[in-house]
N, C-alpha and C. Protein backbone atom coordinates (compact mmCIF):
# COMPACT_ATOMS: atom_id res chain seq x y z
N MET A 1 114.44 154.98 49.44
CA MET A 1 115.32 154.64 47.87
C MET A 1 115.83 155.73 47.98
N PRO A 2 117.31 155.64 47.53
CA PRO A 2 118.29 156.49 47.15
C PRO A 2 118.22 157.53 46.50
N ASP A 3 118.51 158.76 46.64
CA ASP A 3 118.06 159.74 45.52
C ASP A 3 118.64 159.21 43.93
N ALA A 4 117.73 159.21 43.17
CA ALA A 4 118.12 159.09 41.81
C ALA A 4 119.35 159.94 41.31
N PRO A 5 120.41 159.27 40.78
CA PRO A 5 121.47 160.28 39.99
C PRO A 5 120.33 160.75 38.99
N ASP A 6 121.50 161.69 38.54
CA ASP A 6 121.10 162.50 37.60
C ASP A 6 121.86 162.08 36.06
N LYS A 7 122.22 162.34 35.14
CA LYS A 7 122.56 161.99 33.49
C LYS A 7 124.30 162.35 33.97
N ALA A 8 124.58 163.76 34.03
CA ALA A 8 125.67 164.24 34.32
C ALA A 8 126.56 163.58 35.27
N GLU A 9 125.95 163.47 36.62
CA GLU A 9 126.47 162.81 37.81
C GLU A 9 126.88 161.32 37.39
N LEU A 10 125.98 160.48 36.80
CA LEU A 10 126.34 159.17 36.28
C LEU A 10 127.53 159.24 35.28
N GLU A 11 127.33 160.07 34.44
CA GLU A 11 128.10 160.25 33.31
C GLU A 11 129.92 160.24 33.89
N ALA A 12 130.00 161.09 34.77
CA ALA A 12 131.35 161.66 35.33
C ALA A 12 131.59 160.77 36.13
N ALA A 13 130.74 160.31 36.98
CA ALA A 13 131.22 158.77 37.64
C ALA A 13 131.92 157.67 36.68
N ILE A 14 131.13 157.36 36.09
CA ILE A 14 131.57 156.52 34.71
C ILE A 14 133.09 156.99 34.40
N TYR A 15 133.02 158.09 33.64
CA TYR A 15 134.24 158.30 33.20
C TYR A 15 135.46 158.63 34.09
N ARG A 16 135.35 158.91 35.32
CA ARG A 16 136.42 158.81 36.56
C ARG A 16 136.69 157.50 36.89
N HIS A 17 136.08 156.54 36.64
CA HIS A 17 136.09 155.14 37.25
C HIS A 17 137.13 154.83 35.84
N LEU A 18 136.85 154.88 34.86
CA LEU A 18 137.27 154.54 33.46
C LEU A 18 138.72 154.97 33.46
N THR A 19 139.13 156.42 33.80
CA THR A 19 140.54 157.03 33.85
C THR A 19 141.49 156.53 35.10
N LEU A 20 140.76 155.87 36.15
CA LEU A 20 141.75 155.21 37.23
C LEU A 20 142.62 153.73 36.92
N GLN A 21 142.32 153.57 35.56
CA GLN A 21 142.97 152.41 35.52
C GLN A 21 144.49 152.47 34.86
N PRO A 22 145.01 151.59 34.81
CA PRO A 22 146.51 151.62 34.77
C PRO A 22 146.92 152.29 33.19
N ALA A 23 148.01 153.01 33.30
CA ALA A 23 148.18 153.65 31.97
C ALA A 23 148.21 152.89 30.54
N ARG A 24 148.54 151.47 30.68
CA ARG A 24 148.49 150.95 29.33
C ARG A 24 147.34 150.42 28.80
N GLU A 25 146.45 150.64 29.39
CA GLU A 25 144.83 150.62 28.93
C GLU A 25 144.38 152.12 29.11
N THR A 26 144.71 152.77 28.20
CA THR A 26 144.62 154.01 27.95
C THR A 26 143.00 154.11 27.34
N THR A 27 142.48 155.33 27.94
CA THR A 27 141.03 155.77 27.72
C THR A 27 141.11 157.30 27.38
N GLU A 28 142.41 157.74 26.82
CA GLU A 28 142.54 159.02 26.05
C GLU A 28 141.57 159.20 24.99
N ALA A 29 141.26 158.46 24.42
CA ALA A 29 139.95 158.71 23.29
C ALA A 29 138.76 157.96 23.38
N LEU A 30 138.33 157.65 24.64
CA LEU A 30 137.16 157.12 24.72
C LEU A 30 136.16 158.20 25.23
N ILE A 31 135.08 157.92 24.82
CA ILE A 31 134.08 159.04 24.67
C ILE A 31 132.83 158.28 25.73
N VAL A 32 132.39 158.84 26.54
CA VAL A 32 131.56 158.43 27.74
C VAL A 32 130.24 158.89 27.43
N LYS A 33 129.14 158.64 27.15
CA LYS A 33 127.73 159.60 27.33
C LYS A 33 126.87 158.67 28.21
N VAL A 34 125.90 159.28 28.65
CA VAL A 34 124.80 158.71 29.18
C VAL A 34 123.28 159.37 28.80
N ALA A 35 122.55 158.88 28.00
CA ALA A 35 121.07 159.35 28.08
C ALA A 35 120.39 159.36 29.10
N GLU A 36 119.26 160.06 29.17
CA GLU A 36 118.72 160.68 30.58
C GLU A 36 118.25 159.58 31.27
N LEU A 37 117.99 159.20 32.45
CA LEU A 37 117.36 158.47 33.22
C LEU A 37 115.93 158.78 33.57
N ASP A 38 115.16 157.30 33.10
CA ASP A 38 113.90 157.24 32.63
C ASP A 38 113.27 156.56 33.85
N PRO A 39 112.08 156.80 34.41
CA PRO A 39 111.35 155.53 35.19
C PRO A 39 110.89 154.30 34.37
N VAL A 40 111.07 153.16 35.24
CA VAL A 40 110.58 152.07 34.21
C VAL A 40 108.86 152.13 34.47
N THR A 41 107.95 151.97 33.81
CA THR A 41 106.45 152.15 33.89
C THR A 41 105.85 151.03 33.58
N TRP A 42 106.69 149.66 33.72
CA TRP A 42 105.69 148.41 33.88
C TRP A 42 106.49 147.61 34.71
N PRO A 43 106.39 147.12 35.86
CA PRO A 43 104.81 147.25 36.29
C PRO A 43 104.86 148.54 37.02
N PRO A 44 103.53 149.11 37.10
CA PRO A 44 103.54 150.54 37.76
C PRO A 44 104.49 150.88 38.91
N ASP A 45 104.45 149.83 39.93
CA ASP A 45 104.99 150.27 41.19
C ASP A 45 106.53 149.80 40.99
N SER A 46 107.35 150.00 40.05
CA SER A 46 108.34 149.85 39.77
C SER A 46 109.26 151.01 40.21
N LYS A 47 110.28 150.68 41.02
CA LYS A 47 111.04 151.64 41.69
C LYS A 47 112.63 151.55 40.43
N GLN A 48 112.40 150.93 39.56
CA GLN A 48 113.68 151.25 38.86
C GLN A 48 113.91 152.29 37.91
N LEU A 49 115.11 152.68 37.52
CA LEU A 49 115.20 153.42 36.45
C LEU A 49 116.15 153.06 35.16
N ARG A 50 116.18 153.53 33.89
CA ARG A 50 116.56 152.79 32.81
C ARG A 50 117.39 154.06 31.98
N ALA A 51 118.50 153.68 31.68
CA ALA A 51 119.42 154.99 30.72
C ALA A 51 120.11 154.06 29.70
N GLY A 52 120.68 154.93 28.85
CA GLY A 52 121.67 154.51 27.98
C GLY A 52 122.97 154.83 28.30
N LEU A 53 123.59 153.50 27.85
CA LEU A 53 125.28 154.32 28.39
C LEU A 53 125.90 154.06 26.90
N PHE A 54 126.45 155.02 26.39
CA PHE A 54 127.31 154.82 25.27
C PHE A 54 128.91 155.10 25.26
N LEU A 55 129.73 154.01 25.07
CA LEU A 55 130.97 154.00 24.94
C LEU A 55 131.50 154.03 23.31
N SER A 56 132.34 155.13 23.17
CA SER A 56 132.87 155.40 21.77
C SER A 56 134.42 155.59 21.80
N VAL A 57 134.56 155.50 20.48
CA VAL A 57 136.11 155.48 20.42
C VAL A 57 136.15 155.97 18.88
N PRO A 58 137.06 156.46 18.38
CA PRO A 58 137.01 157.11 17.28
C PRO A 58 137.09 156.22 16.09
N LEU A 59 136.50 155.83 15.33
CA LEU A 59 136.61 154.60 14.35
C LEU A 59 138.13 154.34 13.65
N LEU A 60 138.51 155.67 13.28
CA LEU A 60 140.24 155.57 12.32
C LEU A 60 141.08 155.37 13.77
N GLY A 61 141.50 154.28 13.79
CA GLY A 61 142.48 154.02 14.64
C GLY A 61 141.78 153.27 15.99
N GLY A 62 140.77 153.09 15.95
CA GLY A 62 139.87 152.55 16.86
C GLY A 62 139.85 150.93 16.77
N ASP A 63 139.48 150.33 18.02
CA ASP A 63 138.94 149.01 17.80
C ASP A 63 137.76 148.46 19.09
N ARG A 64 137.31 147.37 18.53
CA ARG A 64 136.30 146.96 19.63
C ARG A 64 137.10 146.58 20.70
N THR A 65 138.38 146.15 20.80
CA THR A 65 138.78 145.99 22.02
C THR A 65 138.70 146.82 23.14
N LYS A 66 138.90 147.92 22.82
CA LYS A 66 139.01 149.30 23.66
C LYS A 66 137.50 149.38 24.56
N LEU A 67 136.55 149.06 23.28
CA LEU A 67 135.27 149.31 23.87
C LEU A 67 134.64 147.92 25.19
N ASP A 68 135.34 146.92 24.46
CA ASP A 68 134.97 145.67 25.20
C ASP A 68 135.69 145.71 26.79
N GLN A 69 137.06 146.57 26.68
CA GLN A 69 137.80 146.70 27.88
C GLN A 69 136.91 147.25 28.96
N ALA A 70 136.63 148.83 28.29
CA ALA A 70 136.05 149.92 28.84
C ALA A 70 134.63 149.42 29.64
N LEU A 71 133.84 148.57 28.62
CA LEU A 71 132.49 147.83 29.33
C LEU A 71 132.63 146.83 30.78
N ALA A 72 133.74 145.91 30.61
CA ALA A 72 134.25 144.76 31.51
C ALA A 72 134.55 145.82 32.92
N ARG A 73 135.42 147.03 32.77
CA ARG A 73 135.47 147.92 33.87
C ARG A 73 134.23 148.48 34.64
N VAL A 74 133.35 148.75 33.73
CA VAL A 74 132.26 149.68 34.18
C VAL A 74 131.48 148.35 34.98
N ARG A 75 131.30 147.19 34.24
CA ARG A 75 130.72 146.41 34.67
C ARG A 75 131.27 146.12 36.07
N LYS A 76 132.36 145.71 36.19
CA LYS A 76 132.67 145.54 37.37
C LYS A 76 132.76 146.74 38.48
N GLY A 77 133.10 147.71 38.05
CA GLY A 77 132.42 149.18 38.87
C GLY A 77 131.31 148.89 40.07
N PHE A 78 130.33 148.28 38.81
CA PHE A 78 128.71 148.45 39.64
C PHE A 78 128.69 147.18 40.42
N LYS A 79 129.60 146.25 39.79
CA LYS A 79 129.25 145.06 40.84
C LYS A 79 129.79 145.32 41.56
N ARG A 80 131.11 145.73 42.21
CA ARG A 80 131.44 145.90 43.61
C ARG A 80 130.94 147.27 44.03
N ASN A 81 129.79 148.01 43.41
CA ASN A 81 129.14 149.21 43.88
C ASN A 81 130.38 150.29 44.35
N GLU A 82 131.46 150.10 43.53
CA GLU A 82 132.17 151.60 43.29
C GLU A 82 131.49 152.62 42.80
N LEU A 83 130.63 152.61 41.44
CA LEU A 83 130.07 153.46 40.97
C LEU A 83 129.30 154.34 41.06
N LEU A 84 128.05 153.36 41.82
CA LEU A 84 126.91 154.08 42.12
C LEU A 84 126.42 153.24 43.59
N PRO A 85 126.91 153.54 44.81
CA PRO A 85 126.59 153.32 45.66
C PRO A 85 125.06 153.41 45.99
N GLY A 86 124.14 152.33 46.50
CA GLY A 86 122.99 152.04 46.89
C GLY A 86 121.86 152.05 45.51
N TRP A 87 122.84 151.79 44.59
CA TRP A 87 121.94 151.05 43.41
C TRP A 87 122.75 149.61 42.82
N HIS A 88 121.71 148.70 42.42
CA HIS A 88 122.25 147.56 41.57
C HIS A 88 121.81 147.96 40.04
N VAL A 89 122.90 147.74 39.65
CA VAL A 89 122.51 148.00 38.26
C VAL A 89 123.01 147.08 37.32
N GLU A 90 122.19 146.66 36.42
CA GLU A 90 122.16 145.39 35.74
C GLU A 90 122.44 146.14 33.77
N LEU A 91 123.46 145.88 33.44
CA LEU A 91 123.91 146.13 32.19
C LEU A 91 123.65 145.07 31.01
N SER A 92 122.84 145.72 29.91
CA SER A 92 122.84 144.94 28.92
C SER A 92 123.19 145.70 27.54
N GLU A 93 124.18 145.07 26.86
CA GLU A 93 124.96 145.56 25.62
C GLU A 93 124.15 145.56 24.56
N GLU A 94 124.23 146.10 23.28
CA GLU A 94 123.81 145.75 21.91
C GLU A 94 124.94 145.70 21.06
N LYS A 95 124.40 145.84 20.08
CA LYS A 95 124.64 145.85 18.84
C LYS A 95 126.01 146.80 18.60
N VAL A 96 127.57 146.68 18.36
CA VAL A 96 128.28 147.82 17.94
C VAL A 96 128.05 148.28 16.30
N TYR A 97 127.89 149.66 16.67
CA TYR A 97 127.45 150.21 15.38
C TYR A 97 128.76 152.05 15.18
N SER A 98 128.78 151.94 13.79
CA SER A 98 129.50 153.04 13.44
C SER A 98 129.19 154.46 13.04
N HIS A 99 129.10 155.69 13.48
CA HIS A 99 128.14 156.46 12.91
C HIS A 99 129.46 157.96 13.06
N ARG A 100 128.48 159.03 12.15
CA ARG A 100 129.21 160.26 12.32
C ARG A 100 128.96 161.30 13.54
N ASP A 101 129.68 161.73 14.59
CA ASP A 101 129.20 162.68 15.25
C ASP A 101 130.10 163.88 15.30
N ASP A 102 128.76 164.76 15.29
CA ASP A 102 129.37 166.13 15.08
C ASP A 102 130.12 166.80 16.16
N ASP A 103 129.23 166.80 17.23
CA ASP A 103 130.13 166.82 18.64
C ASP A 103 131.68 166.76 18.55
N ALA A 104 131.99 165.40 18.19
CA ALA A 104 133.45 164.85 18.28
C ALA A 104 134.22 164.88 16.98
N GLY A 105 133.60 165.61 15.80
CA GLY A 105 133.91 165.80 14.60
C GLY A 105 134.77 164.52 13.88
N ALA A 106 133.97 163.43 14.12
CA ALA A 106 134.87 162.34 13.75
C ALA A 106 133.53 161.03 13.27
N VAL A 107 133.82 159.88 12.89
CA VAL A 107 133.17 158.82 13.01
C VAL A 107 133.71 158.18 14.03
N LEU A 108 132.68 157.55 14.65
CA LEU A 108 133.01 156.91 15.90
C LEU A 108 132.61 155.54 15.59
N LEU A 109 133.26 154.53 16.79
CA LEU A 109 132.41 153.21 16.81
C LEU A 109 132.23 153.24 18.01
N THR A 110 130.69 152.83 18.13
CA THR A 110 130.23 153.11 19.86
C THR A 110 129.38 151.53 20.07
N LEU A 111 129.74 151.21 21.34
CA LEU A 111 128.72 150.42 21.68
C LEU A 111 127.78 150.70 22.86
N PRO A 112 126.44 150.91 22.49
CA PRO A 112 125.36 151.03 23.48
C PRO A 112 124.99 150.06 24.82
N VAL A 113 124.76 150.30 25.60
CA VAL A 113 124.73 149.60 26.52
C VAL A 113 123.34 150.10 27.74
N VAL A 114 122.06 149.18 27.85
CA VAL A 114 121.17 149.63 28.35
C VAL A 114 121.35 149.55 29.94
N LEU A 115 121.12 150.42 30.86
CA LEU A 115 121.53 150.35 32.31
C LEU A 115 119.85 150.15 33.05
N THR A 116 119.82 149.19 33.45
CA THR A 116 118.81 149.20 34.88
C THR A 116 119.18 149.26 36.04
N LEU A 117 118.39 150.31 36.66
CA LEU A 117 119.06 150.75 37.94
C LEU A 117 117.97 150.29 39.16
N THR A 118 118.26 149.44 39.97
CA THR A 118 117.36 149.25 41.32
C THR A 118 117.76 149.81 42.67
N PRO A 119 117.00 150.31 43.06
CA PRO A 119 117.57 150.66 44.34
C PRO A 119 118.39 149.24 45.31
N ALA A 120 119.19 149.62 46.09
CA ALA A 120 119.95 148.49 46.80
C ALA A 120 119.19 148.16 48.06
């Protein structure tokens, strides 16, 4: 089994991957956060890890399209094994929501995504 990535490493890899896109698809306002990776506990012998990925844009002036484009790029990066070599990653998106984020100092539109990592 490959070494499990940590939260900061995965977050940085996703952000780097998103900033490699063409200039017309800007990511300057995109915020990427990854929740801690936790082992899947059922079945007991599972080697999977699960984490939350949160893609956000400022609500004021932001739109769902930027989030959908970012998710499509992340999905493609995992599928092509560009983001996390040695791991197969499944993505399951949840419902978009808005919330006040004190760290960003703004109201954000956020697309939560559940990542399930399986050693390749």
